[in-house]
Amino acid sequence: MSIVIQSCGDDDVIPISELSGEWKAQTLEGTIRTESTFSGSSIISNSTVTGANMNYYLTLTMSDNKFTAQGSYDIELATTAQGSTLSVTDSYPNLSGSGAYNSTDSEITLDASIYDISLNGMILEVTGGNIPATYSITNNILTVTEVRQEEMDNGTISSFTDINMVSTWNRQ
């Protein structure tokens, strides 16, 4: 897996050194909309995602182009389908991952996802999968916005998912 974080426009170029260092997760918020079809019937679900108890860190090391992500977080997920809402909180304790990244003054590509979310029994990788995400840094706060679509068809069930996520990270 890889992620791409890029800035929009030439006037938004952020030097590589600005991304280097340790970042502590502050927020994760977003929406997930899935339309699934099984035997000709369609079900639409809408979910809201909120990160809680964020004790999660991302470290980017410029000298060797490596990154680590470690710590813990909870995901509060509220899903509405066919008029019913189900709310769950999943904990992700003692996480640790690492990988390599490449970057320019306006783009960074990590080879693993930063967040995983359990959605209907499947693990959804957030900020990953070689999908571009926009970013900005203001007053030592890194804001990453990811918008993407996923399709799945195994011959019996097909689904189309829209994912919109925003995470903020505070420089340590």
N, C-alpha and C. Protein backbone atom coordinates (compact mmCIF):
# COMPACT_ATOMS: atom_id res chain seq x y z
N MET A 1 0.83 -1.17 0.00
CA MET A 1 0.00 0.00 0.00
C MET A 1 0.88 1.24 0.00
N SER A 2 0.38 2.30 -0.56
CA SER A 2 1.09 3.56 -0.48
C SER A 2 0.08 4.68 -0.42
N ILE A 3 0.50 5.81 0.12
CA ILE A 3 -0.35 6.99 0.09
C ILE A 3 0.42 8.10 -0.57
N VAL A 4 -0.30 9.01 -1.14
CA VAL A 4 0.30 10.19 -1.74
C VAL A 4 -0.32 11.38 -1.05
N ILE A 5 0.51 12.26 -0.53
CA ILE A 5 0.04 13.51 0.04
C ILE A 5 0.60 14.59 -0.85
N GLN A 6 -0.27 15.42 -1.42
CA GLN A 6 0.23 16.45 -2.30
C GLN A 6 -0.46 17.77 -2.03
N SER A 7 0.24 18.83 -2.36
CA SER A 7 -0.28 20.16 -2.21
C SER A 7 -0.82 20.62 -3.55
N CYS A 8 -1.81 21.49 -3.55
CA CYS A 8 -2.40 21.99 -4.79
C CYS A 8 -1.83 23.36 -5.12
N GLY A 9 -1.32 23.54 -6.33
CA GLY A 9 -0.87 24.86 -6.78
C GLY A 9 0.58 25.14 -6.44
N ASP A 10 1.25 25.89 -7.32
CA ASP A 10 2.66 26.22 -7.13
C ASP A 10 2.91 27.11 -5.93
N ASP A 11 1.93 27.94 -5.54
CA ASP A 11 2.14 28.84 -4.42
C ASP A 11 2.02 28.14 -3.08
N ASP A 12 1.64 26.85 -3.08
CA ASP A 12 1.49 26.09 -1.85
C ASP A 12 2.67 25.17 -1.59
N VAL A 13 3.78 25.33 -2.32
CA VAL A 13 4.91 24.43 -2.17
C VAL A 13 5.45 24.51 -0.75
N ILE A 14 5.55 23.34 -0.12
CA ILE A 14 6.05 23.25 1.25
C ILE A 14 7.36 22.50 1.20
N PRO A 15 8.45 23.07 1.72
CA PRO A 15 9.74 22.37 1.68
C PRO A 15 9.65 21.01 2.38
N ILE A 16 10.40 20.04 1.85
CA ILE A 16 10.43 18.69 2.42
C ILE A 16 10.71 18.74 3.92
N SER A 17 11.60 19.63 4.34
CA SER A 17 11.97 19.71 5.75
C SER A 17 10.78 20.06 6.64
N GLU A 18 9.74 20.72 6.10
CA GLU A 18 8.56 21.05 6.88
C GLU A 18 7.76 19.81 7.26
N LEU A 19 7.81 18.75 6.45
CA LEU A 19 7.09 17.52 6.74
C LEU A 19 7.87 16.61 7.68
N SER A 20 9.19 16.76 7.71
CA SER A 20 10.04 15.91 8.53
C SER A 20 9.79 16.17 10.01
N GLY A 21 9.80 15.09 10.81
CA GLY A 21 9.63 15.22 12.25
C GLY A 21 8.50 14.36 12.77
N GLU A 22 8.15 14.59 14.04
CA GLU A 22 7.10 13.81 14.68
C GLU A 22 5.80 14.61 14.72
N TRP A 23 4.68 13.94 14.37
CA TRP A 23 3.36 14.53 14.34
C TRP A 23 2.43 13.70 15.22
N LYS A 24 1.65 14.34 16.08
CA LYS A 24 0.68 13.64 16.93
C LYS A 24 -0.71 13.86 16.35
N ALA A 25 -1.45 12.76 16.17
CA ALA A 25 -2.81 12.85 15.64
C ALA A 25 -3.68 13.65 16.59
N GLN A 26 -4.45 14.58 16.04
CA GLN A 26 -5.39 15.39 16.81
C GLN A 26 -6.83 14.98 16.53
N THR A 27 -7.17 14.87 15.24
CA THR A 27 -8.54 14.52 14.85
C THR A 27 -8.52 13.61 13.63
N LEU A 28 -9.57 12.83 13.51
CA LEU A 28 -9.88 12.07 12.30
C LEU A 28 -11.40 12.12 12.18
N GLU A 29 -11.88 12.69 11.09
CA GLU A 29 -13.32 12.81 10.86
C GLU A 29 -13.61 12.54 9.40
N GLY A 30 -14.77 11.94 9.15
CA GLY A 30 -15.11 11.71 7.76
C GLY A 30 -16.44 11.02 7.58
N THR A 31 -16.71 10.74 6.30
CA THR A 31 -17.93 10.03 5.92
C THR A 31 -17.57 8.91 4.96
N ILE A 32 -18.37 7.85 5.04
CA ILE A 32 -18.23 6.72 4.13
C ILE A 32 -19.63 6.37 3.65
N ARG A 33 -19.83 6.36 2.33
CA ARG A 33 -21.13 6.00 1.75
C ARG A 33 -20.91 4.77 0.88
N THR A 34 -21.67 3.70 1.15
CA THR A 34 -21.52 2.46 0.40
C THR A 34 -22.86 2.05 -0.20
N GLU A 35 -22.84 1.70 -1.47
CA GLU A 35 -24.01 1.12 -2.12
C GLU A 35 -23.64 -0.30 -2.52
N SER A 36 -24.35 -1.28 -1.94
CA SER A 36 -24.08 -2.69 -2.20
C SER A 36 -25.26 -3.31 -2.92
N THR A 37 -24.96 -4.21 -3.86
CA THR A 37 -26.00 -4.91 -4.60
C THR A 37 -25.79 -6.41 -4.45
N PHE A 38 -26.87 -7.11 -4.07
CA PHE A 38 -26.84 -8.56 -3.89
C PHE A 38 -28.15 -9.12 -4.43
N SER A 39 -28.06 -10.03 -5.38
CA SER A 39 -29.25 -10.66 -5.99
C SER A 39 -30.27 -9.64 -6.46
N GLY A 40 -29.80 -8.55 -7.06
CA GLY A 40 -30.69 -7.54 -7.61
C GLY A 40 -31.21 -6.52 -6.62
N SER A 41 -30.96 -6.70 -5.33
CA SER A 41 -31.40 -5.73 -4.31
C SER A 41 -30.24 -4.82 -3.95
N SER A 42 -30.56 -3.55 -3.74
CA SER A 42 -29.54 -2.56 -3.42
C SER A 42 -29.74 -2.03 -2.00
N ILE A 43 -28.64 -1.90 -1.27
CA ILE A 43 -28.67 -1.33 0.08
C ILE A 43 -27.65 -0.20 0.12
N ILE A 44 -28.07 0.96 0.61
CA ILE A 44 -27.18 2.11 0.76
C ILE A 44 -26.95 2.34 2.24
N SER A 45 -25.68 2.47 2.63
CA SER A 45 -25.35 2.80 4.02
C SER A 45 -24.51 4.06 4.05
N ASN A 46 -24.77 4.89 5.04
CA ASN A 46 -24.01 6.12 5.26
C ASN A 46 -23.40 6.05 6.65
N SER A 47 -22.09 6.27 6.73
CA SER A 47 -21.38 6.19 8.00
C SER A 47 -20.66 7.49 8.28
N THR A 48 -20.62 7.87 9.55
CA THR A 48 -19.77 8.96 9.99
C THR A 48 -18.67 8.35 10.86
N VAL A 49 -17.48 8.87 10.69
CA VAL A 49 -16.29 8.37 11.39
C VAL A 49 -15.72 9.50 12.23
N THR A 50 -15.44 9.21 13.50
CA THR A 50 -14.80 10.19 14.37
C THR A 50 -13.72 9.48 15.18
N GLY A 51 -12.51 10.02 15.14
CA GLY A 51 -11.43 9.49 15.97
C GLY A 51 -11.57 10.01 17.39
N ALA A 52 -11.20 9.19 18.36
CA ALA A 52 -11.26 9.58 19.77
C ALA A 52 -10.04 8.99 20.48
N ASN A 53 -9.72 9.54 21.64
CA ASN A 53 -8.60 9.05 22.45
C ASN A 53 -7.34 8.90 21.59
N MET A 54 -7.04 9.95 20.84
CA MET A 54 -5.94 9.91 19.89
C MET A 54 -4.60 10.01 20.63
N ASN A 55 -3.90 8.90 20.70
CA ASN A 55 -2.55 8.84 21.25
C ASN A 55 -1.69 8.16 20.19
N TYR A 56 -1.65 8.77 19.01
CA TYR A 56 -1.11 8.15 17.81
C TYR A 56 -0.12 9.11 17.16
N TYR A 57 1.04 8.60 16.76
CA TYR A 57 2.12 9.43 16.26
C TYR A 57 2.61 8.96 14.89
N LEU A 58 2.93 9.93 14.04
CA LEU A 58 3.53 9.68 12.74
C LEU A 58 4.87 10.41 12.73
N THR A 59 5.94 9.67 12.45
CA THR A 59 7.27 10.27 12.39
C THR A 59 7.83 10.08 10.99
N LEU A 60 8.21 11.19 10.36
CA LEU A 60 8.83 11.18 9.04
C LEU A 60 10.30 11.56 9.21
N THR A 61 11.21 10.69 8.76
CA THR A 61 12.64 10.94 8.88
C THR A 61 13.21 11.24 7.51
N MET A 62 13.64 12.47 7.31
CA MET A 62 14.10 12.92 6.00
C MET A 62 15.41 12.26 5.59
N SER A 63 16.32 11.98 6.54
CA SER A 63 17.65 11.49 6.19
C SER A 63 17.63 10.12 5.51
N ASP A 64 16.67 9.25 5.85
CA ASP A 64 16.62 7.92 5.23
C ASP A 64 15.28 7.61 4.55
N ASN A 65 14.41 8.63 4.43
CA ASN A 65 13.10 8.47 3.80
C ASN A 65 12.30 7.32 4.39
N LYS A 66 12.29 7.23 5.72
CA LYS A 66 11.51 6.22 6.44
C LYS A 66 10.43 6.92 7.27
N PHE A 67 9.37 6.17 7.57
CA PHE A 67 8.35 6.69 8.47
C PHE A 67 7.92 5.60 9.43
N THR A 68 7.42 6.02 10.58
CA THR A 68 6.81 5.10 11.54
C THR A 68 5.48 5.70 11.98
N ALA A 69 4.54 4.84 12.30
CA ALA A 69 3.26 5.24 12.89
C ALA A 69 3.05 4.32 14.08
N GLN A 70 2.78 4.90 15.25
CA GLN A 70 2.62 4.07 16.43
C GLN A 70 1.74 4.74 17.46
N GLY A 71 1.14 3.92 18.31
CA GLY A 71 0.28 4.42 19.37
C GLY A 71 -1.06 3.75 19.35
N SER A 72 -2.11 4.51 19.69
CA SER A 72 -3.45 3.95 19.76
C SER A 72 -4.48 5.03 19.45
N TYR A 73 -5.67 4.57 19.07
CA TYR A 73 -6.80 5.46 18.85
C TYR A 73 -8.07 4.63 18.89
N ASP A 74 -9.20 5.31 19.08
CA ASP A 74 -10.52 4.69 18.99
C ASP A 74 -11.22 5.29 17.78
N ILE A 75 -12.09 4.50 17.16
CA ILE A 75 -12.92 4.98 16.07
C ILE A 75 -14.37 4.85 16.49
N GLU A 76 -15.08 5.98 16.49
CA GLU A 76 -16.52 5.99 16.73
C GLU A 76 -17.18 6.01 15.36
N LEU A 77 -17.96 4.97 15.07
CA LEU A 77 -18.56 4.78 13.76
C LEU A 77 -20.07 4.68 13.92
N ALA A 78 -20.81 5.56 13.25
CA ALA A 78 -22.28 5.50 13.25
C ALA A 78 -22.72 5.24 11.82
N THR A 79 -23.40 4.10 11.60
CA THR A 79 -23.82 3.70 10.26
C THR A 79 -25.33 3.62 10.19
N THR A 80 -25.90 4.27 9.17
CA THR A 80 -27.34 4.24 8.94
C THR A 80 -27.61 3.51 7.63
N ALA A 81 -28.48 2.49 7.69
CA ALA A 81 -28.90 1.75 6.51
C ALA A 81 -30.35 1.34 6.69
N GLN A 82 -31.14 1.52 5.67
CA GLN A 82 -32.55 1.14 5.66
C GLN A 82 -33.30 1.69 6.89
N GLY A 83 -32.99 2.93 7.26
CA GLY A 83 -33.70 3.60 8.34
C GLY A 83 -33.22 3.29 9.75
N SER A 84 -32.26 2.39 9.91
CA SER A 84 -31.75 2.05 11.24
C SER A 84 -30.31 2.52 11.37
N THR A 85 -29.95 2.98 12.57
CA THR A 85 -28.59 3.44 12.84
C THR A 85 -27.95 2.55 13.88
N LEU A 86 -26.72 2.14 13.60
CA LEU A 86 -25.92 1.34 14.52
C LEU A 86 -24.66 2.14 14.83
N SER A 87 -24.39 2.35 16.12
CA SER A 87 -23.19 3.07 16.54
C SER A 87 -22.27 2.11 17.29
N VAL A 88 -21.00 2.10 16.92
CA VAL A 88 -20.01 1.26 17.58
C VAL A 88 -18.73 2.06 17.79
N THR A 89 -17.97 1.65 18.80
CA THR A 89 -16.65 2.21 19.03
C THR A 89 -15.66 1.06 19.02
N ASP A 90 -14.66 1.15 18.14
CA ASP A 90 -13.60 0.15 18.06
C ASP A 90 -12.31 0.77 18.54
N SER A 91 -11.57 0.02 19.36
CA SER A 91 -10.27 0.47 19.85
C SER A 91 -9.16 -0.18 19.04
N TYR A 92 -8.14 0.60 18.75
CA TYR A 92 -6.96 0.13 18.02
C TYR A 92 -5.74 0.40 18.91
N PRO A 93 -5.46 -0.51 19.87
CA PRO A 93 -4.36 -0.28 20.82
C PRO A 93 -3.03 -0.82 20.29
N ASN A 94 -1.96 -0.30 20.84
CA ASN A 94 -0.60 -0.83 20.61
C ASN A 94 -0.27 -1.03 19.14
N LEU A 95 -0.58 -0.04 18.32
CA LEU A 95 -0.30 -0.12 16.90
C LEU A 95 1.14 0.28 16.62
N SER A 96 1.73 -0.35 15.64
CA SER A 96 3.08 0.00 15.23
C SER A 96 3.26 -0.41 13.78
N GLY A 97 3.69 0.52 12.96
CA GLY A 97 3.94 0.23 11.56
C GLY A 97 5.04 1.13 11.05
N SER A 98 5.64 0.74 9.96
CA SER A 98 6.71 1.56 9.40
C SER A 98 6.80 1.27 7.91
N GLY A 99 7.56 2.10 7.24
CA GLY A 99 7.75 1.93 5.82
C GLY A 99 8.66 2.99 5.27
N ALA A 100 8.66 3.08 3.96
CA ALA A 100 9.48 4.06 3.27
C ALA A 100 8.59 5.12 2.64
N TYR A 101 9.18 6.26 2.36
CA TYR A 101 8.45 7.29 1.63
C TYR A 101 9.38 8.01 0.68
N ASN A 102 8.80 8.58 -0.35
CA ASN A 102 9.50 9.45 -1.29
C ASN A 102 8.78 10.78 -1.27
N SER A 103 9.53 11.86 -1.48
CA SER A 103 8.88 13.16 -1.45
C SER A 103 9.58 14.16 -2.35
N THR A 104 8.81 15.17 -2.71
CA THR A 104 9.31 16.36 -3.38
C THR A 104 8.86 17.52 -2.51
N ASP A 105 9.01 18.74 -3.00
CA ASP A 105 8.56 19.89 -2.22
C ASP A 105 7.05 19.97 -2.08
N SER A 106 6.30 19.21 -2.90
CA SER A 106 4.84 19.31 -2.81
C SER A 106 4.13 17.96 -2.73
N GLU A 107 4.86 16.86 -2.66
CA GLU A 107 4.23 15.55 -2.66
C GLU A 107 5.03 14.56 -1.81
N ILE A 108 4.31 13.69 -1.10
CA ILE A 108 4.95 12.62 -0.34
C ILE A 108 4.16 11.34 -0.58
N THR A 109 4.88 10.23 -0.79
CA THR A 109 4.25 8.93 -1.03
C THR A 109 4.75 7.96 0.03
N LEU A 110 3.83 7.47 0.88
CA LEU A 110 4.16 6.47 1.89
C LEU A 110 3.69 5.11 1.39
N ASP A 111 4.42 4.04 1.72
CA ASP A 111 4.07 2.73 1.18
C ASP A 111 3.19 1.89 2.11
N ALA A 112 2.45 2.53 3.03
CA ALA A 112 1.50 1.82 3.90
C ALA A 112 0.42 2.79 4.35
N SER A 113 -0.72 2.25 4.77
CA SER A 113 -1.80 3.11 5.25
C SER A 113 -1.47 3.62 6.66
N ILE A 114 -2.06 4.75 7.02
CA ILE A 114 -1.85 5.32 8.35
C ILE A 114 -2.95 4.87 9.30
N TYR A 115 -4.21 4.86 8.86
CA TYR A 115 -5.34 4.45 9.69
C TYR A 115 -6.03 3.24 9.08
N ASP A 116 -6.51 2.33 9.92
CA ASP A 116 -7.39 1.24 9.51
C ASP A 116 -8.68 1.38 10.29
N ILE A 117 -9.81 1.11 9.62
CA ILE A 117 -11.13 1.17 10.25
C ILE A 117 -11.86 -0.11 9.91
N SER A 118 -12.48 -0.75 10.91
CA SER A 118 -13.30 -1.93 10.67
C SER A 118 -14.70 -1.47 10.30
N LEU A 119 -15.14 -1.79 9.07
CA LEU A 119 -16.45 -1.38 8.57
C LEU A 119 -17.17 -2.61 8.04
N ASN A 120 -18.24 -3.00 8.72
CA ASN A 120 -19.03 -4.16 8.32
C ASN A 120 -18.17 -5.41 8.18
N GLY A 121 -17.23 -5.60 9.12
CA GLY A 121 -16.41 -6.80 9.13
C GLY A 121 -15.21 -6.76 8.20
N MET A 122 -15.04 -5.68 7.44
CA MET A 122 -13.90 -5.55 6.54
C MET A 122 -13.00 -4.43 7.06
N ILE A 123 -11.70 -4.58 6.86
CA ILE A 123 -10.77 -3.53 7.24
C ILE A 123 -10.66 -2.55 6.08
N LEU A 124 -10.95 -1.29 6.35
CA LEU A 124 -10.85 -0.22 5.37
C LEU A 124 -9.60 0.58 5.69
N GLU A 125 -8.66 0.63 4.75
CA GLU A 125 -7.44 1.39 4.95
C GLU A 125 -7.72 2.85 4.61
N VAL A 126 -7.42 3.73 5.54
CA VAL A 126 -7.65 5.15 5.35
C VAL A 126 -6.30 5.84 5.19
N THR A 127 -6.24 6.77 4.28
CA THR A 127 -5.01 7.43 3.90
C THR A 127 -4.00 6.36 3.49
N GLY A 128 -4.33 5.65 2.43
CA GLY A 128 -3.47 4.60 1.92
C GLY A 128 -3.92 4.13 0.56
N GLY A 129 -3.26 3.13 0.04
CA GLY A 129 -3.65 2.54 -1.23
C GLY A 129 -3.29 3.35 -2.45
N ASN A 130 -2.19 4.11 -2.38
CA ASN A 130 -1.71 4.89 -3.52
C ASN A 130 -2.75 5.90 -4.00
N ILE A 131 -3.49 6.48 -3.07
CA ILE A 131 -4.53 7.45 -3.38
C ILE A 131 -4.04 8.84 -2.98
N PRO A 132 -4.14 9.82 -3.88
CA PRO A 132 -3.69 11.17 -3.53
C PRO A 132 -4.52 11.79 -2.41
N ALA A 133 -3.85 12.51 -1.54
CA ALA A 133 -4.52 13.28 -0.50
C ALA A 133 -3.90 14.67 -0.49
N THR A 134 -4.71 15.69 -0.33
CA THR A 134 -4.18 17.05 -0.27
C THR A 134 -3.75 17.35 1.16
N TYR A 135 -2.80 18.25 1.31
CA TYR A 135 -2.37 18.61 2.65
C TYR A 135 -2.03 20.09 2.73
N SER A 136 -2.04 20.59 3.97
CA SER A 136 -1.57 21.94 4.25
C SER A 136 -0.95 21.93 5.64
N ILE A 137 -0.02 22.85 5.87
CA ILE A 137 0.58 23.03 7.19
C ILE A 137 0.40 24.49 7.57
N THR A 138 -0.29 24.71 8.70
CA THR A 138 -0.51 26.05 9.22
C THR A 138 -0.28 26.03 10.72
N ASN A 139 0.60 26.89 11.20
CA ASN A 139 0.89 26.98 12.64
C ASN A 139 1.20 25.61 13.25
N ASN A 140 2.07 24.84 12.58
CA ASN A 140 2.50 23.51 13.03
C ASN A 140 1.38 22.48 13.11
N ILE A 141 0.29 22.70 12.37
CA ILE A 141 -0.79 21.73 12.25
C ILE A 141 -0.81 21.23 10.81
N LEU A 142 -0.65 19.92 10.64
CA LEU A 142 -0.72 19.27 9.33
C LEU A 142 -2.15 18.78 9.14
N THR A 143 -2.80 19.22 8.07
CA THR A 143 -4.16 18.78 7.74
C THR A 143 -4.10 17.98 6.46
N VAL A 144 -4.60 16.74 6.51
CA VAL A 144 -4.60 15.85 5.35
C VAL A 144 -6.05 15.53 4.99
N THR A 145 -6.41 15.77 3.73
CA THR A 145 -7.77 15.50 3.25
C THR A 145 -7.71 14.45 2.16
N GLU A 146 -8.46 13.37 2.36
CA GLU A 146 -8.49 12.27 1.39
C GLU A 146 -9.91 12.08 0.87
N VAL A 147 -10.05 12.05 -0.45
CA VAL A 147 -11.33 11.77 -1.10
C VAL A 147 -11.05 10.68 -2.12
N ARG A 148 -11.77 9.55 -2.00
CA ARG A 148 -11.54 8.46 -2.96
C ARG A 148 -12.77 7.58 -3.09
N GLN A 149 -12.77 6.75 -4.12
CA GLN A 149 -13.83 5.78 -4.36
C GLN A 149 -13.20 4.40 -4.48
N GLU A 150 -13.94 3.39 -4.01
CA GLU A 150 -13.52 2.00 -4.14
C GLU A 150 -14.67 1.19 -4.71
N GLU A 151 -14.34 0.25 -5.59
CA GLU A 151 -15.34 -0.65 -6.15
C GLU A 151 -14.92 -2.09 -5.88
N MET A 152 -15.92 -2.95 -5.62
CA MET A 152 -15.67 -4.36 -5.39
C MET A 152 -16.78 -5.15 -6.06
N ASP A 153 -16.41 -6.22 -6.75
CA ASP A 153 -17.40 -7.11 -7.35
C ASP A 153 -16.82 -8.51 -7.34
N ASN A 154 -17.43 -9.40 -6.55
CA ASN A 154 -16.93 -10.77 -6.49
C ASN A 154 -17.85 -11.75 -7.24
N GLY A 155 -18.75 -11.21 -8.06
CA GLY A 155 -19.67 -12.05 -8.82
C GLY A 155 -21.00 -12.26 -8.12
N THR A 156 -21.02 -12.18 -6.81
CA THR A 156 -22.25 -12.34 -6.03
C THR A 156 -22.70 -11.01 -5.44
N ILE A 157 -21.74 -10.29 -4.89
CA ILE A 157 -22.01 -8.99 -4.26
C ILE A 157 -21.13 -7.95 -4.95
N SER A 158 -21.72 -6.80 -5.26
CA SER A 158 -20.91 -5.69 -5.76
C SER A 158 -21.16 -4.49 -4.86
N SER A 159 -20.14 -3.66 -4.73
CA SER A 159 -20.31 -2.46 -3.91
C SER A 159 -19.47 -1.32 -4.47
N PHE A 160 -19.94 -0.12 -4.21
CA PHE A 160 -19.24 1.11 -4.58
C PHE A 160 -19.20 1.96 -3.32
N THR A 161 -18.01 2.42 -2.93
CA THR A 161 -17.84 3.16 -1.69
C THR A 161 -17.17 4.50 -1.95
N ASP A 162 -17.76 5.58 -1.42
CA ASP A 162 -17.16 6.92 -1.41
C ASP A 162 -16.59 7.17 -0.03
N ILE A 163 -15.32 7.59 0.03
CA ILE A 163 -14.64 7.84 1.30
C ILE A 163 -14.15 9.28 1.31
N ASN A 164 -14.52 10.02 2.34
CA ASN A 164 -14.08 11.41 2.53
C ASN A 164 -13.56 11.54 3.96
N MET A 165 -12.25 11.76 4.13
CA MET A 165 -11.64 11.81 5.46
C MET A 165 -10.75 13.04 5.61
N VAL A 166 -10.75 13.61 6.80
CA VAL A 166 -9.84 14.70 7.14
C VAL A 166 -9.18 14.35 8.46
N SER A 167 -7.85 14.39 8.48
CA SER A 167 -7.12 14.18 9.73
C SER A 167 -6.22 15.39 9.98
N THR A 168 -6.04 15.71 11.27
CA THR A 168 -5.11 16.78 11.63
C THR A 168 -4.06 16.21 12.57
N TRP A 169 -2.86 16.75 12.44
CA TRP A 169 -1.69 16.29 13.20
C TRP A 169 -0.95 17.52 13.72
N ASN A 170 -0.55 17.48 14.99
CA ASN A 170 0.18 18.58 15.62
C ASN A 170 1.66 18.23 15.68
N ARG A 171 2.51 19.16 15.20
CA ARG A 171 3.96 18.93 15.26
C ARG A 171 4.40 18.85 16.72
N GLN A 172 5.21 17.84 17.04
CA GLN A 172 5.70 17.65 18.41
C GLN A 172 7.06 18.30 18.59
